[in-house]
Amino acid sequence: TYVADCASAALTVLLKGKKGSAYNSAVPEARASIAEFAQAVAEVSGTKVIFADPTEADLANRTPIAKQVLSSGKTESLGWRGRYDVRTGVSHTLKIWRESVL
């Protein structure tokens, strides 16, 4: 989830949330595996990503949880909506980073 979505979710929860409750700020359009995220960064930055096949040790150390997805339904019930997908968030981040470095 892009930082602006996280911040707006946190503010929404602080202003409208129920004390002692837990809330998530997951954005369905921003769901991505590590490989998908790496591919998005490569595409937005104009670089190439090369994926290596996992070793036997890598495969043995994988978590048994195949897909873990957070639900933002409770936060959305407070009126919050995420606005940024993965590529947009990466693009904004790289733009800010490039402007600050140059």
N, C-alpha and C. Protein backbone atom coordinates (compact mmCIF):
# COMPACT_ATOMS: atom_id res chain seq x y z
N THR A 1 0.85 -1.18 0.00
CA THR A 1 0.00 0.00 0.00
C THR A 1 0.89 1.24 0.00
N TYR A 2 0.57 2.18 -0.87
CA TYR A 2 1.34 3.42 -0.99
C TYR A 2 1.21 4.23 0.29
N VAL A 3 2.25 4.96 0.64
CA VAL A 3 2.33 5.68 1.91
C VAL A 3 1.16 6.67 2.08
N ALA A 4 0.71 7.32 1.03
CA ALA A 4 -0.41 8.26 1.15
C ALA A 4 -1.69 7.52 1.55
N ASP A 5 -1.88 6.32 1.03
CA ASP A 5 -3.04 5.52 1.42
C ASP A 5 -2.93 5.07 2.87
N CYS A 6 -1.74 4.68 3.30
CA CYS A 6 -1.54 4.29 4.71
C CYS A 6 -1.83 5.46 5.64
N ALA A 7 -1.33 6.63 5.29
CA ALA A 7 -1.53 7.81 6.13
C ALA A 7 -3.01 8.19 6.19
N SER A 8 -3.69 8.17 5.06
CA SER A 8 -5.11 8.54 5.07
C SER A 8 -5.93 7.50 5.83
N ALA A 9 -5.55 6.24 5.75
CA ALA A 9 -6.25 5.20 6.52
C ALA A 9 -6.04 5.42 8.01
N ALA A 10 -4.81 5.71 8.41
CA ALA A 10 -4.52 5.95 9.83
C ALA A 10 -5.31 7.14 10.36
N LEU A 11 -5.39 8.20 9.59
CA LEU A 11 -6.17 9.37 10.02
C LEU A 11 -7.65 9.05 10.11
N THR A 12 -8.16 8.30 9.15
CA THR A 12 -9.57 7.90 9.18
C THR A 12 -9.87 7.08 10.42
N VAL A 13 -9.00 6.13 10.75
CA VAL A 13 -9.19 5.30 11.93
C VAL A 13 -9.12 6.15 13.21
N LEU A 14 -8.16 7.06 13.26
CA LEU A 14 -8.03 7.92 14.44
C LEU A 14 -9.28 8.78 14.65
N LEU A 15 -9.85 9.25 13.56
CA LEU A 15 -11.01 10.15 13.65
C LEU A 15 -12.33 9.41 13.80
N LYS A 16 -12.45 8.24 13.16
CA LYS A 16 -13.75 7.57 13.10
C LYS A 16 -13.77 6.16 13.68
N GLY A 17 -12.60 5.59 13.96
CA GLY A 17 -12.53 4.20 14.40
C GLY A 17 -12.99 4.00 15.83
N LYS A 18 -13.28 2.74 16.14
CA LYS A 18 -13.72 2.36 17.48
C LYS A 18 -12.48 2.05 18.33
N LYS A 19 -12.41 2.61 19.50
CA LYS A 19 -11.29 2.42 20.41
C LYS A 19 -11.10 0.92 20.69
N GLY A 20 -9.85 0.47 20.60
CA GLY A 20 -9.52 -0.92 20.88
C GLY A 20 -9.73 -1.87 19.72
N SER A 21 -10.17 -1.37 18.58
CA SER A 21 -10.38 -2.22 17.39
C SER A 21 -9.17 -2.19 16.48
N ALA A 22 -9.02 -3.24 15.70
CA ALA A 22 -7.92 -3.32 14.73
C ALA A 22 -8.46 -3.05 13.33
N TYR A 23 -7.68 -2.35 12.53
CA TYR A 23 -8.07 -1.98 11.17
C TYR A 23 -6.91 -2.24 10.22
N ASN A 24 -7.22 -2.57 8.98
CA ASN A 24 -6.22 -2.76 7.93
C ASN A 24 -6.38 -1.69 6.86
N SER A 25 -5.30 -1.40 6.16
CA SER A 25 -5.36 -0.43 5.07
C SER A 25 -4.94 -1.08 3.76
N ALA A 26 -5.44 -2.25 3.50
CA ALA A 26 -5.11 -2.97 2.27
C ALA A 26 -5.86 -2.36 1.09
N VAL A 27 -5.19 -2.26 -0.05
CA VAL A 27 -5.81 -1.74 -1.26
C VAL A 27 -5.82 -2.87 -2.29
N PRO A 28 -7.00 -3.37 -2.66
CA PRO A 28 -7.05 -4.52 -3.59
C PRO A 28 -6.27 -4.29 -4.88
N GLU A 29 -6.28 -3.08 -5.41
CA GLU A 29 -5.54 -2.78 -6.64
C GLU A 29 -4.03 -2.76 -6.43
N ALA A 30 -3.60 -2.76 -5.18
CA ALA A 30 -2.18 -2.71 -4.87
C ALA A 30 -1.63 -4.06 -4.42
N ARG A 31 -2.43 -5.09 -4.48
CA ARG A 31 -1.94 -6.42 -4.09
C ARG A 31 -0.93 -6.91 -5.11
N ALA A 32 0.21 -7.36 -4.62
CA ALA A 32 1.25 -7.84 -5.52
C ALA A 32 2.18 -8.77 -4.76
N SER A 33 2.65 -9.78 -5.45
CA SER A 33 3.69 -10.63 -4.87
C SER A 33 5.01 -9.85 -4.93
N ILE A 34 6.03 -10.38 -4.29
CA ILE A 34 7.34 -9.72 -4.34
C ILE A 34 7.83 -9.66 -5.79
N ALA A 35 7.61 -10.72 -6.54
CA ALA A 35 8.02 -10.75 -7.95
C ALA A 35 7.24 -9.71 -8.76
N GLU A 36 5.94 -9.59 -8.52
CA GLU A 36 5.14 -8.60 -9.25
C GLU A 36 5.57 -7.18 -8.88
N PHE A 37 5.89 -6.97 -7.61
CA PHE A 37 6.37 -5.66 -7.17
C PHE A 37 7.71 -5.33 -7.84
N ALA A 38 8.61 -6.31 -7.87
CA ALA A 38 9.91 -6.11 -8.52
C ALA A 38 9.72 -5.79 -10.00
N GLN A 39 8.80 -6.47 -10.66
CA GLN A 39 8.52 -6.22 -12.07
C GLN A 39 7.97 -4.81 -12.26
N ALA A 40 7.09 -4.36 -11.38
CA ALA A 40 6.54 -3.01 -11.48
C ALA A 40 7.63 -1.96 -11.30
N VAL A 41 8.51 -2.16 -10.34
CA VAL A 41 9.62 -1.22 -10.12
C VAL A 41 10.51 -1.18 -11.36
N ALA A 42 10.81 -2.35 -11.93
CA ALA A 42 11.65 -2.41 -13.12
C ALA A 42 10.99 -1.68 -14.29
N GLU A 43 9.72 -1.90 -14.50
CA GLU A 43 9.02 -1.25 -15.62
C GLU A 43 8.97 0.26 -15.44
N VAL A 44 8.61 0.72 -14.24
CA VAL A 44 8.49 2.16 -14.00
C VAL A 44 9.85 2.84 -14.09
N SER A 45 10.90 2.16 -13.64
CA SER A 45 12.24 2.76 -13.64
C SER A 45 13.01 2.54 -14.94
N GLY A 46 12.42 1.78 -15.86
CA GLY A 46 13.08 1.55 -17.14
C GLY A 46 14.25 0.59 -17.04
N THR A 47 14.19 -0.34 -16.10
CA THR A 47 15.25 -1.33 -15.95
C THR A 47 14.68 -2.72 -16.19
N LYS A 48 15.55 -3.70 -16.09
CA LYS A 48 15.14 -5.08 -16.32
C LYS A 48 15.37 -5.88 -15.04
N VAL A 49 14.44 -6.75 -14.73
CA VAL A 49 14.60 -7.63 -13.58
C VAL A 49 14.77 -9.05 -14.09
N ILE A 50 15.71 -9.76 -13.51
CA ILE A 50 15.96 -11.15 -13.90
C ILE A 50 15.68 -12.02 -12.68
N PHE A 51 14.80 -12.98 -12.85
CA PHE A 51 14.44 -13.87 -11.75
C PHE A 51 15.24 -15.16 -11.84
N ALA A 52 15.76 -15.59 -10.70
CA ALA A 52 16.51 -16.84 -10.64
C ALA A 52 15.59 -17.93 -10.11
N ASP A 53 15.80 -19.14 -10.58
CA ASP A 53 15.03 -20.27 -10.07
C ASP A 53 15.45 -20.54 -8.63
N PRO A 54 14.49 -20.86 -7.76
CA PRO A 54 14.83 -21.12 -6.36
C PRO A 54 15.64 -22.40 -6.20
N THR A 55 16.54 -22.38 -5.23
CA THR A 55 17.33 -23.58 -4.92
C THR A 55 16.47 -24.50 -4.06
N GLU A 56 16.96 -25.71 -3.82
CA GLU A 56 16.25 -26.64 -2.94
C GLU A 56 16.12 -26.05 -1.53
N ALA A 57 17.17 -25.36 -1.06
CA ALA A 57 17.14 -24.74 0.26
C ALA A 57 16.08 -23.63 0.31
N ASP A 58 15.98 -22.84 -0.77
CA ASP A 58 14.96 -21.79 -0.84
C ASP A 58 13.56 -22.39 -0.74
N LEU A 59 13.33 -23.45 -1.48
CA LEU A 59 12.02 -24.10 -1.48
C LEU A 59 11.70 -24.68 -0.11
N ALA A 60 12.70 -25.23 0.57
CA ALA A 60 12.49 -25.84 1.89
C ALA A 60 12.17 -24.79 2.95
N ASN A 61 12.63 -23.57 2.76
CA ASN A 61 12.42 -22.51 3.75
C ASN A 61 11.19 -21.65 3.50
N ARG A 62 10.39 -21.98 2.51
CA ARG A 62 9.20 -21.19 2.22
C ARG A 62 8.14 -21.39 3.30
N THR A 63 7.38 -20.33 3.52
CA THR A 63 6.30 -20.39 4.49
C THR A 63 5.16 -21.27 3.95
N PRO A 64 4.47 -21.96 4.81
CA PRO A 64 3.36 -22.80 4.35
C PRO A 64 2.13 -21.98 3.96
N ILE A 65 2.12 -20.69 4.29
CA ILE A 65 0.98 -19.84 3.94
C ILE A 65 1.13 -19.41 2.48
N ALA A 66 0.25 -19.92 1.64
CA ALA A 66 0.37 -19.65 0.21
C ALA A 66 -0.05 -18.23 -0.15
N LYS A 67 -1.19 -17.80 0.35
CA LYS A 67 -1.68 -16.46 0.03
C LYS A 67 -2.27 -15.86 1.29
N GLN A 68 -1.73 -14.75 1.67
CA GLN A 68 -2.22 -14.06 2.85
C GLN A 68 -2.67 -12.67 2.40
N VAL A 69 -3.95 -12.40 2.51
CA VAL A 69 -4.50 -11.14 2.02
C VAL A 69 -5.23 -10.45 3.17
N LEU A 70 -4.87 -9.20 3.40
CA LEU A 70 -5.55 -8.42 4.42
C LEU A 70 -6.83 -7.82 3.85
N SER A 71 -7.83 -7.70 4.69
CA SER A 71 -9.09 -7.09 4.27
C SER A 71 -9.18 -5.69 4.88
N SER A 72 -9.53 -4.72 4.06
CA SER A 72 -9.70 -3.36 4.55
C SER A 72 -11.18 -3.02 4.72
N GLY A 73 -12.03 -4.04 4.76
CA GLY A 73 -13.47 -3.82 4.88
C GLY A 73 -13.87 -2.97 6.07
N LYS A 74 -13.24 -3.21 7.24
CA LYS A 74 -13.56 -2.41 8.42
C LYS A 74 -13.18 -0.95 8.23
N THR A 75 -12.02 -0.72 7.67
CA THR A 75 -11.57 0.65 7.44
C THR A 75 -12.44 1.31 6.38
N GLU A 76 -12.79 0.57 5.35
CA GLU A 76 -13.67 1.11 4.31
C GLU A 76 -15.05 1.45 4.86
N SER A 77 -15.51 0.70 5.87
CA SER A 77 -16.82 1.00 6.47
C SER A 77 -16.81 2.35 7.19
N LEU A 78 -15.62 2.88 7.46
CA LEU A 78 -15.49 4.22 8.06
C LEU A 78 -15.47 5.31 6.99
N GLY A 79 -15.50 4.91 5.72
CA GLY A 79 -15.48 5.88 4.62
C GLY A 79 -14.15 5.99 3.90
N TRP A 80 -13.16 5.22 4.32
CA TRP A 80 -11.84 5.28 3.69
C TRP A 80 -11.80 4.46 2.41
N ARG A 81 -11.08 4.95 1.42
CA ARG A 81 -10.82 4.20 0.19
C ARG A 81 -9.37 4.47 -0.23
N GLY A 82 -8.65 3.41 -0.57
CA GLY A 82 -7.31 3.57 -1.12
C GLY A 82 -7.40 4.12 -2.52
N ARG A 83 -6.38 4.86 -2.94
CA ARG A 83 -6.41 5.50 -4.25
C ARG A 83 -5.29 5.06 -5.20
N TYR A 84 -4.27 4.40 -4.67
CA TYR A 84 -3.08 4.15 -5.48
C TYR A 84 -2.87 2.67 -5.75
N ASP A 85 -2.65 2.33 -7.03
CA ASP A 85 -2.26 0.96 -7.37
C ASP A 85 -0.73 0.87 -7.28
N VAL A 86 -0.18 -0.30 -7.50
CA VAL A 86 1.27 -0.52 -7.32
C VAL A 86 2.09 0.39 -8.24
N ARG A 87 1.78 0.40 -9.52
CA ARG A 87 2.60 1.18 -10.46
C ARG A 87 2.54 2.68 -10.16
N THR A 88 1.37 3.18 -9.79
CA THR A 88 1.26 4.60 -9.46
C THR A 88 2.07 4.93 -8.22
N GLY A 89 1.98 4.09 -7.20
CA GLY A 89 2.76 4.31 -5.97
C GLY A 89 4.25 4.27 -6.23
N VAL A 90 4.69 3.29 -7.00
CA VAL A 90 6.12 3.18 -7.35
C VAL A 90 6.55 4.39 -8.16
N SER A 91 5.73 4.80 -9.11
CA SER A 91 6.05 5.95 -9.94
C SER A 91 6.20 7.22 -9.10
N HIS A 92 5.25 7.46 -8.18
CA HIS A 92 5.35 8.63 -7.30
C HIS A 92 6.60 8.57 -6.44
N THR A 93 6.89 7.40 -5.89
CA THR A 93 8.06 7.24 -5.02
C THR A 93 9.35 7.51 -5.78
N LEU A 94 9.48 6.93 -6.97
CA LEU A 94 10.70 7.15 -7.77
C LEU A 94 10.83 8.62 -8.19
N LYS A 95 9.72 9.27 -8.50
CA LYS A 95 9.76 10.69 -8.87
C LYS A 95 10.28 11.52 -7.70
N ILE A 96 9.76 11.27 -6.52
CA ILE A 96 10.21 12.01 -5.32
C ILE A 96 11.68 11.72 -5.04
N TRP A 97 12.06 10.46 -5.14
CA TRP A 97 13.45 10.07 -4.88
C TRP A 97 14.39 10.73 -5.89
N ARG A 98 14.03 10.69 -7.16
CA ARG A 98 14.88 11.31 -8.19
C ARG A 98 15.02 12.79 -7.99
N GLU A 99 13.94 13.47 -7.62
CA GLU A 99 13.99 14.92 -7.39
C GLU A 99 14.86 15.26 -6.19
N SER A 100 14.85 14.41 -5.17
CA SER A 100 15.63 14.70 -3.98
C SER A 100 17.12 14.38 -4.16
N VAL A 101 17.42 13.42 -5.03
CA VAL A 101 18.81 13.02 -5.26
C VAL A 101 19.49 13.99 -6.23
N LEU A 102 18.77 14.44 -7.20
CA LEU A 102 19.34 15.32 -8.22
C LEU A 102 19.29 16.71 -7.76
